[in-house]
Amino acid sequence: MTLDPKHLGRNHRDTLAQIFRHPLSHNIEWQAAVSLLREVGDVTERHDGKLEVIVGGETIVLTRPRGKDLDAQQVIDIRELLETAGYGPSGKD
């Protein structure tokens, strides 16, 4: 099942498209990704400063990157999480 992201705002849809872009996008802002994840799932800041993200029953833990953009592995991890939850490439507008 692929979820229809039309319920998401334009910025969230743009971030979703960036996450699934090939080749891998290297300029996805941390704040934009976290905002998207908060919209589609549950995001909790842990005592160690990392974020625990739950979407569709799947969980990942993210560490804030040094710069403003996600690193390649974070993009891959978020992509897999969203794809498992049904937000796949065919869910884009």
PDB file of N, CA and C in Angstrom:
ATOM      1  N   MET A   1       0.840  -1.175   0.000  1.00  0.00           N
ATOM      2  CA  MET A   1       0.000   0.000   0.000  1.00  0.00           C
ATOM      3  C   MET A   1       0.889   1.243   0.000  1.00  0.00           C
ATOM      4  N   THR A   2       0.580   2.201  -0.846  1.00  0.00           N
ATOM      5  CA  THR A   2       1.282   3.471  -0.863  1.00  0.00           C
ATOM      6  C   THR A   2       0.316   4.551  -0.416  1.00  0.00           C
ATOM      7  N   LEU A   3       0.705   5.277   0.612  1.00  0.00           N
ATOM      8  CA  LEU A   3      -0.159   6.329   1.138  1.00  0.00           C
ATOM      9  C   LEU A   3      -0.130   7.538   0.222  1.00  0.00           C
ATOM     10  N   ASP A   4      -1.223   8.219   0.130  1.00  0.00           N
ATOM     11  CA  ASP A   4      -1.343   9.415  -0.683  1.00  0.00           C
ATOM     12  C   ASP A   4      -0.893  10.610   0.149  1.00  0.00           C
ATOM     13  N   PRO A   5       0.222  11.251  -0.229  1.00  0.00           N
ATOM     14  CA  PRO A   5       0.737  12.357   0.589  1.00  0.00           C
ATOM     15  C   PRO A   5       0.009  13.677   0.373  1.00  0.00           C
ATOM     16  N   LYS A   6      -1.138  13.663  -0.297  1.00  0.00           N
ATOM     17  CA  LYS A   6      -1.845  14.920  -0.558  1.00  0.00           C
ATOM     18  C   LYS A   6      -2.315  15.594   0.721  1.00  0.00           C
ATOM     19  N   HIS A   7      -2.425  14.838   1.818  1.00  0.00           N
ATOM     20  CA  HIS A   7      -2.800  15.457   3.090  1.00  0.00           C
ATOM     21  C   HIS A   7      -1.654  16.272   3.672  1.00  0.00           C
ATOM     22  N   LEU A   8      -0.451  16.095   3.114  1.00  0.00           N
ATOM     23  CA  LEU A   8       0.713  16.841   3.576  1.00  0.00           C
ATOM     24  C   LEU A   8       0.752  18.211   2.907  1.00  0.00           C
ATOM     25  N   GLY A   9       1.309  19.183   3.603  1.00  0.00           N
ATOM     26  CA  GLY A   9       1.513  20.498   3.017  1.00  0.00           C
ATOM     27  C   GLY A   9       2.580  20.438   1.925  1.00  0.00           C
ATOM     28  N   ARG A  10       2.669  21.501   1.162  1.00  0.00           N
ATOM     29  CA  ARG A  10       3.611  21.524   0.035  1.00  0.00           C
ATOM     30  C   ARG A  10       5.054  21.302   0.481  1.00  0.00           C
ATOM     31  N   ASN A  11       5.474  21.962   1.554  1.00  0.00           N
ATOM     32  CA  ASN A  11       6.852  21.794   2.023  1.00  0.00           C
ATOM     33  C   ASN A  11       7.140  20.356   2.407  1.00  0.00           C
ATOM     34  N   HIS A  12       6.183  19.700   3.069  1.00  0.00           N
ATOM     35  CA  HIS A  12       6.375  18.302   3.449  1.00  0.00           C
ATOM     36  C   HIS A  12       6.419  17.403   2.217  1.00  0.00           C
ATOM     37  N   ARG A  13       5.572  17.683   1.235  1.00  0.00           N
ATOM     38  CA  ARG A  13       5.602  16.891  -0.012  1.00  0.00           C
ATOM     39  C   ARG A  13       6.926  17.083  -0.743  1.00  0.00           C
ATOM     40  N   ASP A  14       7.449  18.313  -0.727  1.00  0.00           N
ATOM     41  CA  ASP A  14       8.743  18.577  -1.365  1.00  0.00           C
ATOM     42  C   ASP A  14       9.866  17.814  -0.659  1.00  0.00           C
ATOM     43  N   THR A  15       9.831  17.811   0.669  1.00  0.00           N
ATOM     44  CA  THR A  15      10.845  17.076   1.438  1.00  0.00           C
ATOM     45  C   THR A  15      10.733  15.584   1.163  1.00  0.00           C
ATOM     46  N   LEU A  16       9.511  15.064   1.109  1.00  0.00           N
ATOM     47  CA  LEU A  16       9.285  13.651   0.795  1.00  0.00           C
ATOM     48  C   LEU A  16       9.869  13.313  -0.580  1.00  0.00           C
ATOM     49  N   ALA A  17       9.638  14.168  -1.559  1.00  0.00           N
ATOM     50  CA  ALA A  17      10.174  13.950  -2.904  1.00  0.00           C
ATOM     51  C   ALA A  17      11.698  13.954  -2.881  1.00  0.00           C
ATOM     52  N   GLN A  18      12.306  14.860  -2.112  1.00  0.00           N
ATOM     53  CA  GLN A  18      13.764  14.911  -1.999  1.00  0.00           C
ATOM     54  C   GLN A  18      14.311  13.620  -1.404  1.00  0.00           C
ATOM     55  N   ILE A  19      13.633  13.097  -0.406  1.00  0.00           N
ATOM     56  CA  ILE A  19      14.107  11.877   0.258  1.00  0.00           C
ATOM     57  C   ILE A  19      14.131  10.703  -0.712  1.00  0.00           C
ATOM     58  N   PHE A  20      13.164  10.646  -1.624  1.00  0.00           N
ATOM     59  CA  PHE A  20      13.090   9.531  -2.564  1.00  0.00           C
ATOM     60  C   PHE A  20      13.770   9.811  -3.905  1.00  0.00           C
ATOM     61  N   ARG A  21      14.393  10.977  -4.050  1.00  0.00           N
ATOM     62  CA  ARG A  21      15.058  11.348  -5.305  1.00  0.00           C
ATOM     63  C   ARG A  21      16.268  10.453  -5.555  1.00  0.00           C
ATOM     64  N   HIS A  22      16.452  10.095  -6.816  1.00  0.00           N
ATOM     65  CA  HIS A  22      17.641   9.360  -7.259  1.00  0.00           C
ATOM     66  C   HIS A  22      18.338  10.211  -8.291  1.00  0.00           C
ATOM     67  N   PRO A  23      19.629  10.413  -8.236  1.00  0.00           N
ATOM     68  CA  PRO A  23      20.513   9.916  -7.175  1.00  0.00           C
ATOM     69  C   PRO A  23      20.204  10.596  -5.835  1.00  0.00           C
ATOM     70  N   LEU A  24      20.762  10.026  -4.808  1.00  0.00           N
ATOM     71  CA  LEU A  24      20.517  10.467  -3.438  1.00  0.00           C
ATOM     72  C   LEU A  24      20.785  11.962  -3.280  1.00  0.00           C
ATOM     73  N   SER A  25      19.818  12.669  -2.741  1.00  0.00           N
ATOM     74  CA  SER A  25      19.959  14.106  -2.501  1.00  0.00           C
ATOM     75  C   SER A  25      20.825  14.334  -1.270  1.00  0.00           C
ATOM     76  N   HIS A  26      21.765  15.283  -1.388  1.00  0.00           N
ATOM     77  CA  HIS A  26      22.662  15.588  -0.265  1.00  0.00           C
ATOM     78  C   HIS A  26      22.379  16.950   0.347  1.00  0.00           C
ATOM     79  N   ASN A  27      21.229  17.525   0.030  1.00  0.00           N
ATOM     80  CA  ASN A  27      20.918  18.847   0.589  1.00  0.00           C
ATOM     81  C   ASN A  27      19.513  18.887   1.187  1.00  0.00           C
ATOM     82  N   ILE A  28      19.181  17.859   1.952  1.00  0.00           N
ATOM     83  CA  ILE A  28      17.902  17.832   2.661  1.00  0.00           C
ATOM     84  C   ILE A  28      18.147  18.359   4.068  1.00  0.00           C
ATOM     85  N   GLU A  29      17.481  19.439   4.394  1.00  0.00           N
ATOM     86  CA  GLU A  29      17.702  20.057   5.695  1.00  0.00           C
ATOM     87  C   GLU A  29      17.131  19.204   6.829  1.00  0.00           C
ATOM     88  N   TRP A  30      17.893  19.130   7.894  1.00  0.00           N
ATOM     89  CA  TRP A  30      17.501  18.397   9.099  1.00  0.00           C
ATOM     90  C   TRP A  30      16.130  18.839   9.586  1.00  0.00           C
ATOM     91  N   GLN A  31      15.933  20.151   9.707  1.00  0.00           N
ATOM     92  CA  GLN A  31      14.670  20.660  10.238  1.00  0.00           C
ATOM     93  C   GLN A  31      13.487  20.284   9.347  1.00  0.00           C
ATOM     94  N   ALA A  32      13.677  20.299   8.031  1.00  0.00           N
ATOM     95  CA  ALA A  32      12.605  19.929   7.102  1.00  0.00           C
ATOM     96  C   ALA A  32      12.256  18.449   7.258  1.00  0.00           C
ATOM     97  N   ALA A  33      13.285  17.608   7.403  1.00  0.00           N
ATOM     98  CA  ALA A  33      13.049  16.175   7.568  1.00  0.00           C
ATOM     99  C   ALA A  33      12.335  15.885   8.884  1.00  0.00           C
ATOM    100  N   VAL A  34      12.775  16.529   9.957  1.00  0.00           N
ATOM    101  CA  VAL A  34      12.139  16.325  11.261  1.00  0.00           C
ATOM    102  C   VAL A  34      10.688  16.799  11.227  1.00  0.00           C
ATOM    103  N   SER A  35      10.438  17.918  10.580  1.00  0.00           N
ATOM    104  CA  SER A  35       9.073  18.424  10.457  1.00  0.00           C
ATOM    105  C   SER A  35       8.184  17.423   9.716  1.00  0.00           C
ATOM    106  N   LEU A  36       8.692  16.862   8.622  1.00  0.00           N
ATOM    107  CA  LEU A  36       7.945  15.838   7.883  1.00  0.00           C
ATOM    108  C   LEU A  36       7.678  14.623   8.770  1.00  0.00           C
ATOM    109  N   LEU A  37       8.701  14.160   9.466  1.00  0.00           N
ATOM    110  CA  LEU A  37       8.538  12.980  10.320  1.00  0.00           C
ATOM    111  C   LEU A  37       7.533  13.229  11.446  1.00  0.00           C
ATOM    112  N   ARG A  38       7.513  14.436  11.990  1.00  0.00           N
ATOM    113  CA  ARG A  38       6.514  14.773  13.015  1.00  0.00           C
ATOM    114  C   ARG A  38       5.102  14.745  12.432  1.00  0.00           C
ATOM    115  N   GLU A  39       4.979  15.100  11.168  1.00  0.00           N
ATOM    116  CA  GLU A  39       3.669  15.130  10.513  1.00  0.00           C
ATOM    117  C   GLU A  39       3.128  13.721  10.263  1.00  0.00           C
ATOM    118  N   VAL A  40       4.011  12.776   9.934  1.00  0.00           N
ATOM    119  CA  VAL A  40       3.557  11.430   9.555  1.00  0.00           C
ATOM    120  C   VAL A  40       3.733  10.396  10.661  1.00  0.00           C
ATOM    121  N   GLY A  41       4.400  10.768  11.758  1.00  0.00           N
ATOM    122  CA  GLY A  41       4.648   9.793  12.813  1.00  0.00           C
ATOM    123  C   GLY A  41       4.837  10.464  14.156  1.00  0.00           C
ATOM    124  N   ASP A  42       5.465   9.738  15.058  1.00  0.00           N
ATOM    125  CA  ASP A  42       5.753  10.240  16.400  1.00  0.00           C
ATOM    126  C   ASP A  42       7.256  10.442  16.536  1.00  0.00           C
ATOM    127  N   VAL A  43       7.649  11.623  16.964  1.00  0.00           N
ATOM    128  CA  VAL A  43       9.057  11.955  17.151  1.00  0.00           C
ATOM    129  C   VAL A  43       9.244  12.374  18.603  1.00  0.00           C
ATOM    130  N   THR A  44      10.168  11.706  19.281  1.00  0.00           N
ATOM    131  CA  THR A  44      10.438  11.987  20.683  1.00  0.00           C
ATOM    132  C   THR A  44      11.926  12.241  20.859  1.00  0.00           C
ATOM    133  N   GLU A  45      12.258  13.338  21.546  1.00  0.00           N
ATOM    134  CA  GLU A  45      13.662  13.581  21.849  1.00  0.00           C
ATOM    135  C   GLU A  45      14.033  12.784  23.089  1.00  0.00           C
ATOM    136  N   ARG A  46      15.082  11.979  22.944  1.00  0.00           N
ATOM    137  CA  ARG A  46      15.546  11.157  24.059  1.00  0.00           C
ATOM    138  C   ARG A  46      16.454  11.971  24.968  1.00  0.00           C
ATOM    139  N   HIS A  47      16.759  11.409  26.143  1.00  0.00           N
ATOM    140  CA  HIS A  47      17.606  12.098  27.116  1.00  0.00           C
ATOM    141  C   HIS A  47      19.013  12.359  26.575  1.00  0.00           C
ATOM    142  N   ASP A  48      19.458  11.568  25.589  1.00  0.00           N
ATOM    143  CA  ASP A  48      20.794  11.753  25.021  1.00  0.00           C
ATOM    144  C   ASP A  48      20.793  12.727  23.837  1.00  0.00           C
ATOM    145  N   GLY A  49      19.647  13.354  23.570  1.00  0.00           N
ATOM    146  CA  GLY A  49      19.559  14.331  22.494  1.00  0.00           C
ATOM    147  C   GLY A  49      19.206  13.753  21.134  1.00  0.00           C
ATOM    148  N   LYS A  50      19.198  12.437  21.020  1.00  0.00           N
ATOM    149  CA  LYS A  50      18.824  11.805  19.759  1.00  0.00           C
ATOM    150  C   LYS A  50      17.307  11.797  19.619  1.00  0.00           C
ATOM    151  N   LEU A  51      16.843  11.665  18.383  1.00  0.00           N
ATOM    152  CA  LEU A  51      15.408  11.609  18.136  1.00  0.00           C
ATOM    153  C   LEU A  51      14.982  10.182  17.847  1.00  0.00           C
ATOM    154  N   GLU A  52      13.958   9.732  18.545  1.00  0.00           N
ATOM    155  CA  GLU A  52      13.348   8.430  18.272  1.00  0.00           C
ATOM    156  C   GLU A  52      12.130   8.699  17.406  1.00  0.00           C
ATOM    157  N   VAL A  53      12.110   8.076  16.226  1.00  0.00           N
ATOM    158  CA  VAL A  53      11.058   8.320  15.246  1.00  0.00           C
ATOM    159  C   VAL A  53      10.293   7.029  15.014  1.00  0.00           C
ATOM    160  N   ILE A  54       8.968   7.085  15.162  1.00  0.00           N
ATOM    161  CA  ILE A  54       8.104   5.927  14.920  1.00  0.00           C
ATOM    162  C   ILE A  54       7.115   6.309  13.831  1.00  0.00           C
ATOM    163  N   VAL A  55       7.146   5.549  12.742  1.00  0.00           N
ATOM    164  CA  VAL A  55       6.206   5.733  11.640  1.00  0.00           C
ATOM    165  C   VAL A  55       5.710   4.356  11.233  1.00  0.00           C
ATOM    166  N   GLY A  56       4.405   4.172  11.276  1.00  0.00           N
ATOM    167  CA  GLY A  56       3.825   2.904  10.857  1.00  0.00           C
ATOM    168  C   GLY A  56       4.331   1.699  11.619  1.00  0.00           C
ATOM    169  N   GLY A  57       4.622   1.867  12.887  1.00  0.00           N
ATOM    170  CA  GLY A  57       5.079   0.752  13.709  1.00  0.00           C
ATOM    171  C   GLY A  57       6.573   0.479  13.633  1.00  0.00           C
ATOM    172  N   GLU A  58       7.285   1.148  12.738  1.00  0.00           N
ATOM    173  CA  GLU A  58       8.736   1.005  12.617  1.00  0.00           C
ATOM    174  C   GLU A  58       9.409   2.149  13.372  1.00  0.00           C
ATOM    175  N   THR A  59      10.576   1.866  13.946  1.00  0.00           N
ATOM    176  CA  THR A  59      11.284   2.859  14.739  1.00  0.00           C
ATOM    177  C   THR A  59      12.721   3.021  14.256  1.00  0.00           C
ATOM    178  N   ILE A  60      13.184   4.264  14.182  1.00  0.00           N
ATOM    179  CA  ILE A  60      14.597   4.551  13.966  1.00  0.00           C
ATOM    180  C   ILE A  60      15.021   5.611  14.969  1.00  0.00           C
ATOM    181  N   VAL A  61      16.320   5.704  15.194  1.00  0.00           N
ATOM    182  CA  VAL A  61      16.886   6.720  16.071  1.00  0.00           C
ATOM    183  C   VAL A  61      17.837   7.557  15.222  1.00  0.00           C
ATOM    184  N   LEU A  62      17.634   8.863  15.263  1.00  0.00           N
ATOM    185  CA  LEU A  62      18.452   9.786  14.475  1.00  0.00           C
ATOM    186  C   LEU A  62      19.276  10.685  15.383  1.00  0.00           C
ATOM    187  N   THR A  63      20.510  10.927  14.959  1.00  0.00           N
ATOM    188  CA  THR A  63      21.393  11.863  15.639  1.00  0.00           C
ATOM    189  C   THR A  63      21.467  13.127  14.798  1.00  0.00           C
ATOM    190  N   ARG A  64      21.342  14.277  15.412  1.00  0.00           N
ATOM    191  CA  ARG A  64      21.411  15.553  14.701  1.00  0.00           C
ATOM    192  C   ARG A  64      22.750  15.632  13.962  1.00  0.00           C
ATOM    193  N   PRO A  65      22.720  15.969  12.665  1.00  0.00           N
ATOM    194  CA  PRO A  65      23.975  16.067  11.914  1.00  0.00           C
ATOM    195  C   PRO A  65      24.780  17.295  12.348  1.00  0.00           C
ATOM    196  N   ARG A  66      26.060  17.308  11.995  1.00  0.00           N
ATOM    197  CA  ARG A  66      26.927  18.442  12.359  1.00  0.00           C
ATOM    198  C   ARG A  66      26.509  19.714  11.632  1.00  0.00           C
ATOM    199  N   GLY A  67      26.131  19.578  10.369  1.00  0.00           N
ATOM    200  CA  GLY A  67      25.690  20.730   9.591  1.00  0.00           C
ATOM    201  C   GLY A  67      24.173  20.829   9.605  1.00  0.00           C
ATOM    202  N   LYS A  68      23.637  21.575   8.644  1.00  0.00           N
ATOM    203  CA  LYS A  68      22.182  21.744   8.596  1.00  0.00           C
ATOM    204  C   LYS A  68      21.489  20.659   7.785  1.00  0.00           C
ATOM    205  N   ASP A  69      22.270  19.874   7.019  1.00  0.00           N
ATOM    206  CA  ASP A  69      21.687  18.867   6.139  1.00  0.00           C
ATOM    207  C   ASP A  69      21.908  17.452   6.661  1.00  0.00           C
ATOM    208  N   LEU A  70      20.983  16.562   6.280  1.00  0.00           N
ATOM    209  CA  LEU A  70      21.119  15.148   6.614  1.00  0.00           C
ATOM    210  C   LEU A  70      22.335  14.569   5.904  1.00  0.00           C
ATOM    211  N   ASP A  71      22.964  13.569   6.521  1.00  0.00           N
ATOM    212  CA  ASP A  71      24.017  12.862   5.799  1.00  0.00           C
ATOM    213  C   ASP A  71      23.364  11.740   4.986  1.00  0.00           C
ATOM    214  N   ALA A  72      24.143  11.121   4.109  1.00  0.00           N
ATOM    215  CA  ALA A  72      23.605  10.116   3.181  1.00  0.00           C
ATOM    216  C   ALA A  72      22.940   8.958   3.923  1.00  0.00           C
ATOM    217  N   GLN A  73      23.543   8.471   5.005  1.00  0.00           N
ATOM    218  CA  GLN A  73      22.965   7.335   5.723  1.00  0.00           C
ATOM    219  C   GLN A  73      21.637   7.709   6.366  1.00  0.00           C
ATOM    220  N   GLN A  74      21.515   8.928   6.855  1.00  0.00           N
ATOM    221  CA  GLN A  74      20.246   9.361   7.434  1.00  0.00           C
ATOM    222  C   GLN A  74      19.149   9.404   6.370  1.00  0.00           C
ATOM    223  N   VAL A  75      19.490   9.877   5.180  1.00  0.00           N
ATOM    224  CA  VAL A  75      18.511   9.903   4.093  1.00  0.00           C
ATOM    225  C   VAL A  75      18.057   8.478   3.780  1.00  0.00           C
ATOM    226  N   ILE A  76      18.994   7.550   3.698  1.00  0.00           N
ATOM    227  CA  ILE A  76      18.664   6.150   3.415  1.00  0.00           C
ATOM    228  C   ILE A  76      17.783   5.572   4.518  1.00  0.00           C
ATOM    229  N   ASP A  77      18.133   5.837   5.777  1.00  0.00           N
ATOM    230  CA  ASP A  77      17.352   5.312   6.907  1.00  0.00           C
ATOM    231  C   ASP A  77      15.929   5.871   6.912  1.00  0.00           C
ATOM    232  N   ILE A  78      15.799   7.171   6.664  1.00  0.00           N
ATOM    233  CA  ILE A  78      14.471   7.794   6.634  1.00  0.00           C
ATOM    234  C   ILE A  78      13.680   7.277   5.443  1.00  0.00           C
ATOM    235  N   ARG A  79      14.337   7.129   4.307  1.00  0.00           N
ATOM    236  CA  ARG A  79      13.680   6.590   3.102  1.00  0.00           C
ATOM    237  C   ARG A  79      13.115   5.202   3.387  1.00  0.00           C
ATOM    238  N   GLU A  80      13.918   4.335   3.998  1.00  0.00           N
ATOM    239  CA  GLU A  80      13.459   2.974   4.314  1.00  0.00           C
ATOM    240  C   GLU A  80      12.291   2.995   5.292  1.00  0.00           C
ATOM    241  N   LEU A  81      12.377   3.857   6.304  1.00  0.00           N
ATOM    242  CA  LEU A  81      11.299   3.974   7.284  1.00  0.00           C
ATOM    243  C   LEU A  81      10.003   4.400   6.601  1.00  0.00           C
ATOM    244  N   LEU A  82      10.071   5.438   5.784  1.00  0.00           N
ATOM    245  CA  LEU A  82       8.880   5.947   5.112  1.00  0.00           C
ATOM    246  C   LEU A  82       8.334   4.944   4.106  1.00  0.00           C
ATOM    247  N   GLU A  83       9.217   4.266   3.404  1.00  0.00           N
ATOM    248  CA  GLU A  83       8.776   3.272   2.416  1.00  0.00           C
ATOM    249  C   GLU A  83       8.057   2.118   3.104  1.00  0.00           C
ATOM    250  N   THR A  84       8.587   1.659   4.230  1.00  0.00           N
ATOM    251  CA  THR A  84       7.950   0.596   4.992  1.00  0.00           C
ATOM    252  C   THR A  84       6.562   1.020   5.470  1.00  0.00           C
ATOM    253  N   ALA A  85       6.419   2.312   5.795  1.00  0.00           N
ATOM    254  CA  ALA A  85       5.143   2.840   6.277  1.00  0.00           C
ATOM    255  C   ALA A  85       4.163   3.133   5.139  1.00  0.00           C
ATOM    256  N   GLY A  86       4.609   2.970   3.890  1.00  0.00           N
ATOM    257  CA  GLY A  86       3.717   3.176   2.755  1.00  0.00           C
ATOM    258  C   GLY A  86       3.914   4.463   1.999  1.00  0.00           C
ATOM    259  N   TYR A  87       4.900   5.263   2.423  1.00  0.00           N
ATOM    260  CA  TYR A  87       5.189   6.512   1.702  1.00  0.00           C
ATOM    261  C   TYR A  87       6.303   6.238   0.694  1.00  0.00           C
ATOM    262  N   GLY A  88       5.966   5.516  -0.375  1.00  0.00           N
ATOM    263  CA  GLY A  88       6.953   5.172  -1.382  1.00  0.00           C
ATOM    264  C   GLY A  88       6.958   6.134  -2.544  1.00  0.00           C
ATOM    265  N   PRO A  89       7.863   5.904  -3.490  1.00  0.00           N
ATOM    266  CA  PRO A  89       7.993   6.790  -4.647  1.00  0.00           C
ATOM    267  C   PRO A  89       6.693   6.946  -5.427  1.00  0.00           C
ATOM    268  N   SER A  90       5.869   5.902  -5.506  1.00  0.00           N
ATOM    269  CA  SER A  90       4.619   6.023  -6.247  1.00  0.00           C
ATOM    270  C   SER A  90       3.581   6.847  -5.497  1.00  0.00           C
ATOM    271  N   GLY A  91       3.889   7.246  -4.246  1.00  0.00           N
ATOM    272  CA  GLY A  91       2.985   8.072  -3.481  1.00  0.00           C
ATOM    273  C   GLY A  91       3.158   9.551  -3.739  1.00  0.00           C
ATOM    274  N   LYS A  92       4.159   9.913  -4.568  1.00  0.00           N
ATOM    275  CA  LYS A  92       4.390  11.319  -4.863  1.00  0.00           C
ATOM    276  C   LYS A  92       3.361  11.843  -5.836  1.00  0.00           C
ATOM    277  N   ASP A  93       3.123  13.156  -5.789  1.00  0.00           N
ATOM    278  CA  ASP A  93       2.193  13.775  -6.738  1.00  0.00           C
ATOM    279  C   ASP A  93       2.774  13.718  -8.121  1.00  0.00           C
TER     280      ASP A  93
END
